Amino acid sequence: MRLKRKWNILGAILVLIIGLVLIFVVSNNNYKVHAELNKKTKYLQNNITKAKNQVNNSYTFQELRTDSFLLEKYTREQLNWQKEDEDVFIFVYE
C-alpha cells in the first residue's frame, strides 16, 4: 500500500513537471514570447510618453486646435510634412 502511494505521488510530480515544461517552453505562449512582448510594450509606451512630452513642451493641444497656422507649422517641423508643390530636404546629423 505504501509503495503504491509513493508511486502515485511520484507520478503526480512527474505529470506536473512535464506540464510546466510544456507550458513554459514548448507552447506558443511560452515565457520567451511574453518577455519579448513585454519589452516591445515598454519600448512603445516610452515612445508615447516622449511624443506627449514633446507636444506638451512646444504647444498646447488647445493652441494647435484653434490656430491653423500653428498646426501647419508644427506638422511641417515635427512630422516632416510638405505641401504638394514643394520639395523638402531633411538633413540628418550623425
N, C-alpha and C. Protein backbone atom coordinates (compact mmCIF):
# COMPACT_ATOMS: atom_id res chain seq x y z
N MET A 1 0.83 -1.20 0.00
CA MET A 1 0.00 0.00 0.00
C MET A 1 0.86 1.25 0.00
N ARG A 2 1.90 1.25 0.81
CA ARG A 2 2.79 2.41 0.88
C ARG A 2 3.53 2.62 -0.42
N LEU A 3 3.95 1.56 -1.05
CA LEU A 3 4.68 1.63 -2.31
C LEU A 3 3.79 2.21 -3.41
N LYS A 4 2.54 1.79 -3.40
CA LYS A 4 1.60 2.30 -4.40
C LYS A 4 1.37 3.80 -4.21
N ARG A 5 1.25 4.25 -2.98
CA ARG A 5 1.06 5.67 -2.69
C ARG A 5 2.28 6.48 -3.11
N LYS A 6 3.46 5.92 -2.87
CA LYS A 6 4.70 6.58 -3.25
C LYS A 6 4.77 6.77 -4.77
N TRP A 7 4.38 5.74 -5.52
CA TRP A 7 4.39 5.82 -6.98
C TRP A 7 3.35 6.81 -7.49
N ASN A 8 2.22 6.89 -6.80
CA ASN A 8 1.19 7.87 -7.18
C ASN A 8 1.70 9.30 -7.00
N ILE A 9 2.39 9.54 -5.91
CA ILE A 9 2.95 10.88 -5.66
C ILE A 9 4.02 11.20 -6.69
N LEU A 10 4.91 10.25 -6.98
CA LEU A 10 5.95 10.46 -7.99
C LEU A 10 5.34 10.69 -9.37
N GLY A 11 4.29 9.96 -9.69
CA GLY A 11 3.60 10.14 -10.97
C GLY A 11 2.98 11.52 -11.08
N ALA A 12 2.36 11.97 -10.00
CA ALA A 12 1.74 13.30 -10.00
C ALA A 12 2.80 14.39 -10.17
N ILE A 13 3.92 14.24 -9.49
CA ILE A 13 5.01 15.20 -9.62
C ILE A 13 5.56 15.20 -11.04
N LEU A 14 5.71 14.02 -11.62
CA LEU A 14 6.22 13.91 -12.99
C LEU A 14 5.26 14.57 -13.99
N VAL A 15 3.97 14.33 -13.83
CA VAL A 15 2.98 14.95 -14.70
C VAL A 15 3.01 16.47 -14.54
N LEU A 16 3.17 16.95 -13.33
CA LEU A 16 3.24 18.38 -13.07
C LEU A 16 4.47 19.00 -13.74
N ILE A 17 5.60 18.34 -13.63
CA ILE A 17 6.84 18.84 -14.24
C ILE A 17 6.71 18.86 -15.76
N ILE A 18 6.19 17.79 -16.33
CA ILE A 18 6.01 17.74 -17.79
C ILE A 18 5.03 18.83 -18.24
N GLY A 19 3.98 19.04 -17.50
CA GLY A 19 3.02 20.09 -17.84
C GLY A 19 3.64 21.47 -17.80
N LEU A 20 4.45 21.73 -16.76
CA LEU A 20 5.11 23.03 -16.67
C LEU A 20 6.10 23.24 -17.80
N VAL A 21 6.82 22.19 -18.17
CA VAL A 21 7.76 22.30 -19.29
C VAL A 21 7.00 22.61 -20.57
N LEU A 22 5.88 21.95 -20.79
CA LEU A 22 5.09 22.21 -21.99
C LEU A 22 4.56 23.64 -22.01
N ILE A 23 4.13 24.12 -20.87
CA ILE A 23 3.57 25.47 -20.81
C ILE A 23 4.65 26.53 -21.02
N PHE A 24 5.79 26.40 -20.36
CA PHE A 24 6.79 27.45 -20.38
C PHE A 24 7.78 27.36 -21.54
N VAL A 25 7.93 26.21 -22.16
CA VAL A 25 8.96 26.06 -23.19
C VAL A 25 8.38 25.75 -24.56
N VAL A 26 7.48 24.80 -24.64
CA VAL A 26 7.06 24.28 -25.93
C VAL A 26 5.88 25.05 -26.53
N SER A 27 4.97 25.52 -25.73
CA SER A 27 3.74 26.10 -26.26
C SER A 27 3.99 27.44 -26.95
N ASN A 28 2.98 27.91 -27.68
CA ASN A 28 3.07 29.20 -28.37
C ASN A 28 3.08 30.37 -27.40
N ASN A 29 2.58 30.18 -26.22
CA ASN A 29 2.52 31.23 -25.21
C ASN A 29 3.64 31.06 -24.19
N ASN A 30 4.81 30.73 -24.65
CA ASN A 30 5.88 30.45 -23.71
C ASN A 30 6.45 31.72 -23.10
N TYR A 31 7.32 31.53 -22.16
CA TYR A 31 7.88 32.64 -21.38
C TYR A 31 8.68 33.59 -22.26
N LYS A 32 9.41 33.06 -23.23
CA LYS A 32 10.25 33.89 -24.10
C LYS A 32 9.40 34.86 -24.91
N VAL A 33 8.29 34.39 -25.44
CA VAL A 33 7.40 35.25 -26.22
C VAL A 33 6.84 36.36 -25.35
N HIS A 34 6.43 36.03 -24.14
CA HIS A 34 5.88 37.03 -23.23
C HIS A 34 6.94 38.06 -22.86
N ALA A 35 8.17 37.63 -22.65
CA ALA A 35 9.24 38.57 -22.31
C ALA A 35 9.50 39.53 -23.47
N GLU A 36 9.51 39.02 -24.70
CA GLU A 36 9.71 39.89 -25.87
C GLU A 36 8.56 40.87 -26.04
N LEU A 37 7.34 40.40 -25.85
CA LEU A 37 6.18 41.29 -25.97
C LEU A 37 6.18 42.36 -24.89
N ASN A 38 6.56 41.99 -23.67
CA ASN A 38 6.64 42.97 -22.60
C ASN A 38 7.70 44.02 -22.90
N LYS A 39 8.82 43.59 -23.49
CA LYS A 39 9.89 44.52 -23.86
C LYS A 39 9.40 45.50 -24.93
N LYS A 40 8.70 44.97 -25.95
CA LYS A 40 8.16 45.83 -27.00
C LYS A 40 7.13 46.80 -26.45
N THR A 41 6.28 46.33 -25.55
CA THR A 41 5.26 47.18 -24.94
C THR A 41 5.91 48.32 -24.17
N LYS A 42 6.94 48.01 -23.41
CA LYS A 42 7.63 49.04 -22.64
C LYS A 42 8.28 50.06 -23.57
N TYR A 43 8.88 49.60 -24.67
CA TYR A 43 9.51 50.50 -25.64
C TYR A 43 8.47 51.43 -26.26
N LEU A 44 7.34 50.87 -26.66
CA LEU A 44 6.29 51.68 -27.28
C LEU A 44 5.67 52.67 -26.29
N GLN A 45 5.51 52.25 -25.03
CA GLN A 45 4.99 53.16 -24.01
C GLN A 45 5.95 54.33 -23.80
N ASN A 46 7.25 54.05 -23.82
CA ASN A 46 8.24 55.12 -23.69
C ASN A 46 8.16 56.08 -24.87
N ASN A 47 7.96 55.55 -26.07
CA ASN A 47 7.82 56.40 -27.25
C ASN A 47 6.59 57.29 -27.16
N ILE A 48 5.49 56.72 -26.67
CA ILE A 48 4.26 57.50 -26.50
C ILE A 48 4.48 58.63 -25.49
N THR A 49 5.15 58.31 -24.39
CA THR A 49 5.42 59.32 -23.37
C THR A 49 6.30 60.43 -23.92
N LYS A 50 7.33 60.05 -24.68
CA LYS A 50 8.22 61.06 -25.28
C LYS A 50 7.46 61.95 -26.25
N ALA A 51 6.59 61.35 -27.05
CA ALA A 51 5.81 62.13 -28.02
C ALA A 51 4.87 63.10 -27.31
N LYS A 52 4.22 62.63 -26.26
CA LYS A 52 3.32 63.51 -25.50
C LYS A 52 4.09 64.65 -24.86
N ASN A 53 5.26 64.35 -24.30
CA ASN A 53 6.08 65.39 -23.69
C ASN A 53 6.56 66.40 -24.73
N GLN A 54 6.89 65.91 -25.90
CA GLN A 54 7.35 66.79 -26.96
C GLN A 54 6.24 67.75 -27.38
N VAL A 55 5.04 67.24 -27.51
CA VAL A 55 3.90 68.10 -27.85
C VAL A 55 3.63 69.07 -26.71
N ASN A 56 3.69 68.60 -25.48
CA ASN A 56 3.42 69.46 -24.34
C ASN A 56 4.47 70.56 -24.20
N ASN A 57 5.71 70.25 -24.55
CA ASN A 57 6.76 71.25 -24.41
C ASN A 57 6.70 72.33 -25.47
N SER A 58 6.18 72.01 -26.64
CA SER A 58 6.19 73.00 -27.70
C SER A 58 4.89 73.82 -27.73
N TYR A 59 3.78 73.17 -27.88
CA TYR A 59 2.49 73.86 -27.97
C TYR A 59 1.45 73.05 -27.20
N THR A 60 0.46 73.75 -26.69
CA THR A 60 -0.62 73.03 -26.03
C THR A 60 -1.58 72.50 -27.08
N PHE A 61 -2.32 71.50 -26.69
CA PHE A 61 -3.29 70.91 -27.60
C PHE A 61 -4.32 71.94 -28.05
N GLN A 62 -4.74 72.77 -27.13
CA GLN A 62 -5.74 73.79 -27.46
C GLN A 62 -5.19 74.80 -28.46
N GLU A 63 -3.92 75.16 -28.31
CA GLU A 63 -3.30 76.09 -29.26
C GLU A 63 -3.27 75.48 -30.66
N LEU A 64 -2.88 74.22 -30.74
CA LEU A 64 -2.83 73.55 -32.04
C LEU A 64 -4.22 73.41 -32.65
N ARG A 65 -5.20 73.23 -31.81
CA ARG A 65 -6.56 73.02 -32.29
C ARG A 65 -7.18 74.30 -32.83
N THR A 66 -6.85 75.42 -32.22
CA THR A 66 -7.50 76.67 -32.62
C THR A 66 -6.74 77.44 -33.67
N ASP A 67 -5.44 77.33 -33.71
CA ASP A 67 -4.62 78.11 -34.64
C ASP A 67 -4.14 77.22 -35.78
N SER A 68 -4.73 77.39 -36.96
CA SER A 68 -4.39 76.53 -38.09
C SER A 68 -2.96 76.78 -38.58
N PHE A 69 -2.49 78.02 -38.50
CA PHE A 69 -1.12 78.31 -38.91
C PHE A 69 -0.13 77.59 -38.00
N LEU A 70 -0.39 77.62 -36.72
CA LEU A 70 0.48 76.94 -35.75
C LEU A 70 0.45 75.43 -35.96
N LEU A 71 -0.72 74.89 -36.26
CA LEU A 71 -0.84 73.46 -36.52
C LEU A 71 -0.04 73.06 -37.76
N GLU A 72 -0.14 73.87 -38.80
CA GLU A 72 0.62 73.57 -40.02
C GLU A 72 2.12 73.65 -39.74
N LYS A 73 2.53 74.66 -39.00
CA LYS A 73 3.95 74.81 -38.66
C LYS A 73 4.44 73.60 -37.87
N TYR A 74 3.65 73.19 -36.89
CA TYR A 74 4.05 72.05 -36.07
C TYR A 74 4.16 70.77 -36.90
N THR A 75 3.17 70.49 -37.73
CA THR A 75 3.21 69.26 -38.52
C THR A 75 4.34 69.28 -39.53
N ARG A 76 4.62 70.44 -40.09
CA ARG A 76 5.71 70.52 -41.06
C ARG A 76 7.06 70.33 -40.38
N GLU A 77 7.22 70.87 -39.19
CA GLU A 77 8.50 70.75 -38.50
C GLU A 77 8.69 69.38 -37.87
N GLN A 78 7.70 68.91 -37.16
CA GLN A 78 7.86 67.69 -36.37
C GLN A 78 7.60 66.42 -37.17
N LEU A 79 6.66 66.45 -38.08
CA LEU A 79 6.28 65.25 -38.81
C LEU A 79 6.82 65.23 -40.23
N ASN A 80 7.55 66.28 -40.59
CA ASN A 80 8.17 66.39 -41.92
C ASN A 80 7.14 66.32 -43.05
N TRP A 81 6.02 66.96 -42.84
CA TRP A 81 5.01 67.01 -43.89
C TRP A 81 5.36 68.11 -44.87
N GLN A 82 4.84 68.00 -46.07
CA GLN A 82 5.12 69.00 -47.09
C GLN A 82 3.86 69.29 -47.90
N LYS A 83 3.89 70.43 -48.57
CA LYS A 83 2.78 70.77 -49.47
C LYS A 83 2.98 70.03 -50.78
N GLU A 84 1.96 70.01 -51.60
CA GLU A 84 2.01 69.26 -52.85
C GLU A 84 3.05 69.79 -53.82
N ASP A 85 3.25 71.09 -53.85
CA ASP A 85 4.12 71.69 -54.86
C ASP A 85 5.50 72.07 -54.33
N GLU A 86 5.96 71.45 -53.28
CA GLU A 86 7.27 71.80 -52.75
C GLU A 86 8.10 70.56 -52.46
N ASP A 87 9.40 70.76 -52.43
CA ASP A 87 10.34 69.71 -52.07
C ASP A 87 10.96 70.07 -50.73
N VAL A 88 11.10 69.08 -49.88
CA VAL A 88 11.68 69.31 -48.56
C VAL A 88 12.92 68.44 -48.43
N PHE A 89 14.00 69.05 -47.99
CA PHE A 89 15.24 68.33 -47.76
C PHE A 89 15.46 68.22 -46.26
N ILE A 90 15.72 67.00 -45.81
CA ILE A 90 15.93 66.76 -44.39
C ILE A 90 17.39 66.38 -44.20
N PHE A 91 18.07 67.12 -43.36
CA PHE A 91 19.47 66.84 -43.07
C PHE A 91 19.56 66.05 -41.78
N VAL A 92 20.20 64.91 -41.84
CA VAL A 92 20.35 64.06 -40.67
C VAL A 92 21.81 64.13 -40.24
N TYR A 93 22.03 64.58 -39.02
CA TYR A 93 23.38 64.69 -38.49
C TYR A 93 23.70 63.45 -37.67
N GLU A 94 24.86 62.90 -37.92
CA GLU A 94 25.25 61.69 -37.17
C GLU A 94 26.43 61.99 -36.29
